[in-house]
């Protein structure tokens, strides 16, 4: 285990992903040092306060441009000296300077089996493509959208009766299990990087990271 197990979570809205990170903290080694939102009215701030976590509301509308906001955000994050910065429903495009500053220490969860269906509306995209499965990916963040190295994926079969709502419900449920676990892998030192290669317990992972199924999560 590394000496630093602190994480800072960034979010913009309801905070359901944040809640799952907080709820599972006791069984993992990471410690949520702060929860920061770019929207002062975000309900997730109340969730963090209830959990006894330091909260910060940094309204992006009060800044002239993206770079000035991200510079202020970096200052807020750095006071906690986190091992990892976790995006949990953070609905802003990050500047290149921000991503570079936290390179290798910035993660996100995306509702698709990357590299498939980057960007928005992934549930409808998977249905339109006639995919047999859909899922979620925990990945490191790079400047290119949804293109950082994948750490962990969870998949679920797409049924003939599935809709975007039914897919979203199942995948969000999977996300709430795999994201805290992947965060713990990184903070505890089990995940390391060698150039572009991600290793778990010193064993290199392929481009899809660790792959598990919905059934395995339920067992």
Protein backbone atom coordinates (compact mmCIF):
# COMPACT_ATOMS: atom_id res chain seq x y z
CA UNK A 1 0.00 0.00 0.00
CA UNK A 2 1.16 3.54 -0.75
CA UNK A 3 1.49 6.11 2.02
CA UNK A 4 -1.05 8.41 0.38
CA UNK A 5 -4.57 6.99 0.08
CA UNK A 6 -6.45 10.27 -0.33
CA UNK A 7 -8.79 10.94 -3.24
CA UNK A 8 -10.65 14.06 -4.34
CA UNK A 9 -13.95 13.54 -6.17
CA UNK A 10 -15.23 16.00 -8.80
CA UNK A 11 -18.92 16.01 -9.74
CA UNK A 12 -21.59 18.30 -11.13
CA UNK A 13 -25.00 17.03 -10.07
CA UNK A 14 -26.91 14.49 -8.03
CA UNK A 15 -23.83 12.65 -6.83
CA UNK A 16 -25.06 9.05 -7.09
CA UNK A 17 -21.61 7.88 -8.18
CA UNK A 18 -20.04 9.89 -5.38
CA UNK A 19 -22.45 8.20 -2.96
CA UNK A 20 -21.31 4.73 -4.03
CA UNK A 21 -17.68 5.77 -3.51
CA UNK A 22 -18.51 7.06 -0.02
CA UNK A 23 -20.65 4.06 0.90
CA UNK A 24 -17.92 1.56 0.04
CA UNK A 25 -15.02 3.48 1.49
CA UNK A 26 -14.99 1.46 4.71
CA UNK A 27 -14.15 -1.79 2.91
CA UNK A 28 -11.39 -0.28 0.79
CA UNK A 29 -8.15 1.57 1.43
CA UNK A 30 -8.94 4.91 -0.22
CA UNK A 31 -10.04 7.91 1.83
CA UNK A 32 -12.23 10.64 0.33
CA UNK A 33 -10.51 13.87 1.37
CA UNK A 34 -12.86 16.24 -0.46
CA UNK A 35 -15.80 16.45 -2.85
CA UNK A 36 -15.78 19.40 -5.25
CA UNK A 37 -18.60 20.56 -7.53
CA UNK A 38 -18.68 23.25 -10.20
CA UNK A 39 -22.37 23.76 -9.39
CA UNK A 40 -23.14 25.23 -5.94
CA UNK A 41 -26.66 23.74 -5.94
CA UNK A 42 -25.49 20.19 -6.73
CA UNK A 43 -27.20 17.68 -4.44
CA UNK A 44 -23.99 15.68 -4.21
CA UNK A 45 -22.61 18.37 -1.87
CA UNK A 46 -25.25 17.40 0.67
CA UNK A 47 -24.34 13.74 0.30
CA UNK A 48 -20.69 14.50 1.04
CA UNK A 49 -21.51 16.75 3.98
CA UNK A 50 -23.68 14.02 5.48
CA UNK A 51 -20.73 11.63 5.19
CA UNK A 52 -18.45 14.11 6.97
CA UNK A 53 -16.39 14.85 3.86
CA UNK A 54 -15.02 18.31 3.14
CA UNK A 55 -17.05 19.99 0.37
CA UNK A 56 -16.15 22.81 -1.98
CA UNK A 57 -18.44 24.55 -4.46
CA UNK A 58 -16.46 26.33 -7.17
CA UNK A 59 -18.91 27.97 -9.58
CA UNK A 60 -17.49 27.91 -13.10
CA UNK A 61 -19.81 30.76 -14.07
CA UNK A 62 -17.74 33.10 -11.90
CA UNK A 63 -14.66 32.69 -14.09
CA UNK A 64 -13.79 34.32 -17.39
CA UNK A 65 -12.78 31.17 -19.21
CA UNK A 66 -12.07 27.46 -18.88
CA UNK A 67 -8.38 27.85 -18.16
CA UNK A 68 -8.86 30.32 -15.32
CA UNK A 69 -11.47 28.06 -13.74
CA UNK A 70 -9.31 24.96 -14.08
CA UNK A 71 -6.35 26.82 -12.56
CA UNK A 72 -8.48 27.68 -9.52
CA UNK A 73 -9.73 24.09 -9.40
CA UNK A 74 -6.17 22.77 -9.36
CA UNK A 75 -5.40 25.05 -6.40
CA UNK A 76 -8.40 23.69 -4.51
CA UNK A 77 -7.53 20.07 -5.26
CA UNK A 78 -3.84 20.39 -4.45
CA UNK A 79 -4.45 21.53 -0.88
CA UNK A 80 -5.55 17.95 -0.15
CA UNK A 81 -2.49 16.40 -1.85
CA UNK A 82 -4.54 13.51 -3.28
CA UNK A 83 -3.12 10.34 -4.73
CA UNK A 84 -5.99 10.33 -7.22
CA UNK A 85 -8.55 12.73 -8.70
CA UNK A 86 -11.82 10.95 -9.45
CA UNK A 87 -14.38 12.20 -11.98
CA UNK A 88 -17.88 11.17 -10.91
CA UNK A 89 -20.43 12.76 -13.19
CA UNK A 90 -18.29 15.85 -13.73
CA UNK A 91 -19.93 17.56 -16.70
CA UNK A 92 -17.19 19.88 -17.89
CA UNK A 93 -14.55 19.49 -20.56
CA UNK A 94 -11.14 19.61 -18.90
CA UNK A 95 -8.41 21.89 -20.19
CA UNK A 96 -5.17 20.39 -21.50
CA UNK A 97 -3.30 21.99 -18.61
CA UNK A 98 -5.56 20.29 -16.06
CA UNK A 99 -5.25 16.86 -17.65
CA UNK A 100 -1.48 17.20 -17.97
CA UNK A 101 -1.15 18.32 -14.34
CA UNK A 102 -2.85 15.14 -13.08
CA UNK A 103 -1.59 12.75 -15.76
CA UNK A 104 -1.69 9.22 -14.38
CA UNK A 105 -3.66 10.40 -11.33
CA UNK A 106 -6.99 11.23 -13.01
CA UNK A 107 -9.72 8.64 -13.65
CA UNK A 108 -13.23 8.51 -15.04
CA UNK A 109 -15.97 5.93 -15.53
CA UNK A 110 -17.65 5.85 -18.96
CA UNK A 111 -20.86 3.96 -19.82
CA UNK A 112 -19.58 1.83 -22.68
CA UNK A 113 -17.10 -0.91 -23.43
CA UNK A 114 -14.36 1.39 -24.68
CA UNK A 115 -13.14 1.95 -27.31
CA UNK A 116 -16.75 1.49 -28.48
CA UNK A 117 -19.22 4.36 -28.16
CA UNK A 118 -17.17 7.27 -26.94
CA UNK A 119 -18.92 10.50 -26.00
CA UNK A 120 -22.60 10.89 -25.17
CA UNK A 121 -25.75 8.79 -25.73
CA UNK A 122 -23.90 5.50 -25.45
CA UNK A 123 -26.99 3.42 -24.60
CA UNK A 124 -28.82 4.46 -27.77
CA UNK A 125 -25.63 4.06 -29.79
CA UNK A 126 -25.23 0.47 -28.62
CA UNK A 127 -28.86 -0.34 -29.44
CA UNK A 128 -28.64 1.32 -32.85
CA UNK A 129 -25.46 -0.65 -33.64
CA UNK A 130 -27.15 -3.94 -32.78
CA UNK A 131 -24.49 -4.75 -30.20
CA UNK A 132 -24.83 -7.99 -28.26
CA UNK A 133 -23.47 -6.43 -25.07
CA UNK A 134 -22.88 -3.08 -23.45
CA UNK A 135 -21.10 -2.02 -20.30
CA UNK A 136 -18.91 0.40 -18.44
CA UNK A 137 -15.20 1.22 -18.38
CA UNK A 138 -13.01 2.73 -15.69
CA UNK A 139 -10.11 4.46 -17.41
CA UNK A 140 -7.33 6.96 -16.96
CA UNK A 141 -8.12 10.36 -18.44
CA UNK A 142 -6.10 11.80 -21.31
CA UNK A 143 -6.62 14.82 -23.52
CA UNK A 144 -8.36 12.69 -26.14
CA UNK A 145 -12.00 12.05 -25.22
CA UNK A 146 -12.61 8.64 -23.56
CA UNK A 147 -9.30 7.33 -24.87
CA UNK A 148 -7.12 6.78 -21.79
CA UNK A 149 -5.90 3.34 -20.76
CA UNK A 150 -8.70 1.10 -19.49
CA UNK A 151 -8.35 -0.37 -16.01
CA UNK A 152 -11.57 -2.33 -15.54
CA UNK A 153 -14.66 -3.12 -17.62
CA UNK A 154 -17.98 -4.72 -16.71
CA UNK A 155 -20.37 -6.01 -19.37
CA UNK A 156 -24.02 -6.99 -19.62
CA UNK A 157 -25.87 -8.73 -22.47
CA UNK A 158 -28.25 -6.60 -24.51
CA UNK A 159 -31.67 -8.25 -24.63
CA UNK A 160 -34.24 -7.82 -27.39
CA UNK A 161 -36.53 -6.02 -24.98
CA UNK A 162 -33.88 -3.59 -23.72
CA UNK A 163 -34.39 0.16 -23.93
CA UNK A 164 -31.99 2.96 -23.14
CA UNK A 165 -33.58 3.18 -19.67
CA UNK A 166 -33.22 -0.52 -18.87
CA UNK A 167 -29.62 -0.56 -20.08
CA UNK A 168 -28.77 2.55 -18.10
CA UNK A 169 -30.26 1.08 -14.93
CA UNK A 170 -28.15 -2.08 -15.15
CA UNK A 171 -24.97 -0.33 -16.15
CA UNK A 172 -25.20 2.30 -13.42
CA UNK A 173 -25.64 -0.53 -10.93
CA UNK A 174 -22.45 -2.13 -12.25
CA UNK A 175 -20.60 1.17 -12.19
CA UNK A 176 -21.38 1.61 -8.52
CA UNK A 177 -19.57 -1.65 -7.81
CA UNK A 178 -16.58 -1.52 -10.15
CA UNK A 179 -15.60 2.14 -9.76
CA UNK A 180 -14.80 2.01 -6.02
CA UNK A 181 -12.87 -1.23 -6.56
CA UNK A 182 -10.79 0.23 -9.40
CA UNK A 183 -10.10 3.36 -7.33
CA UNK A 184 -8.83 1.14 -4.54
CA UNK A 185 -6.58 -0.80 -6.91
CA UNK A 186 -4.88 2.45 -7.91
CA UNK A 187 -4.60 4.03 -4.48
CA UNK A 188 -3.34 0.81 -2.87
CA UNK A 189 -0.59 0.53 -5.48
CA UNK A 190 -1.92 -2.61 -7.17
CA UNK A 191 -2.28 -0.69 -10.45
CA UNK A 192 0.94 0.64 -11.94
CA UNK A 193 1.92 1.96 -15.35
CA UNK A 194 4.87 1.16 -17.57
CA UNK A 195 4.68 3.57 -20.47
CA UNK A 196 1.34 2.88 -22.13
CA UNK A 197 0.94 -0.48 -20.40
CA UNK A 198 -1.25 -0.84 -17.31
CA UNK A 199 -0.28 -3.54 -14.81
CA UNK A 200 -2.34 -5.12 -12.05
CA UNK A 201 -0.21 -6.83 -9.40
CA UNK A 202 2.73 -6.50 -11.83
CA UNK A 203 0.87 -8.41 -14.58
CA UNK A 204 0.22 -6.41 -17.78
CA UNK A 205 -3.39 -5.89 -18.81
CA UNK A 206 -4.64 -5.87 -22.38
CA UNK A 207 -6.39 -2.88 -23.95
CA UNK A 208 -9.69 -3.75 -22.24
CA UNK A 209 -8.19 -3.92 -18.75
CA UNK A 210 -9.72 -6.44 -16.36
CA UNK A 211 -13.01 -7.66 -17.88
CA UNK A 212 -15.86 -8.98 -15.74
CA UNK A 213 -19.53 -9.69 -16.39
CA UNK A 214 -22.69 -8.54 -14.70
CA UNK A 215 -23.23 -12.12 -13.53
CA UNK A 216 -19.83 -12.22 -11.86
CA UNK A 217 -20.67 -9.00 -10.04
CA UNK A 218 -23.94 -10.49 -8.79
CA UNK A 219 -22.32 -13.74 -7.57
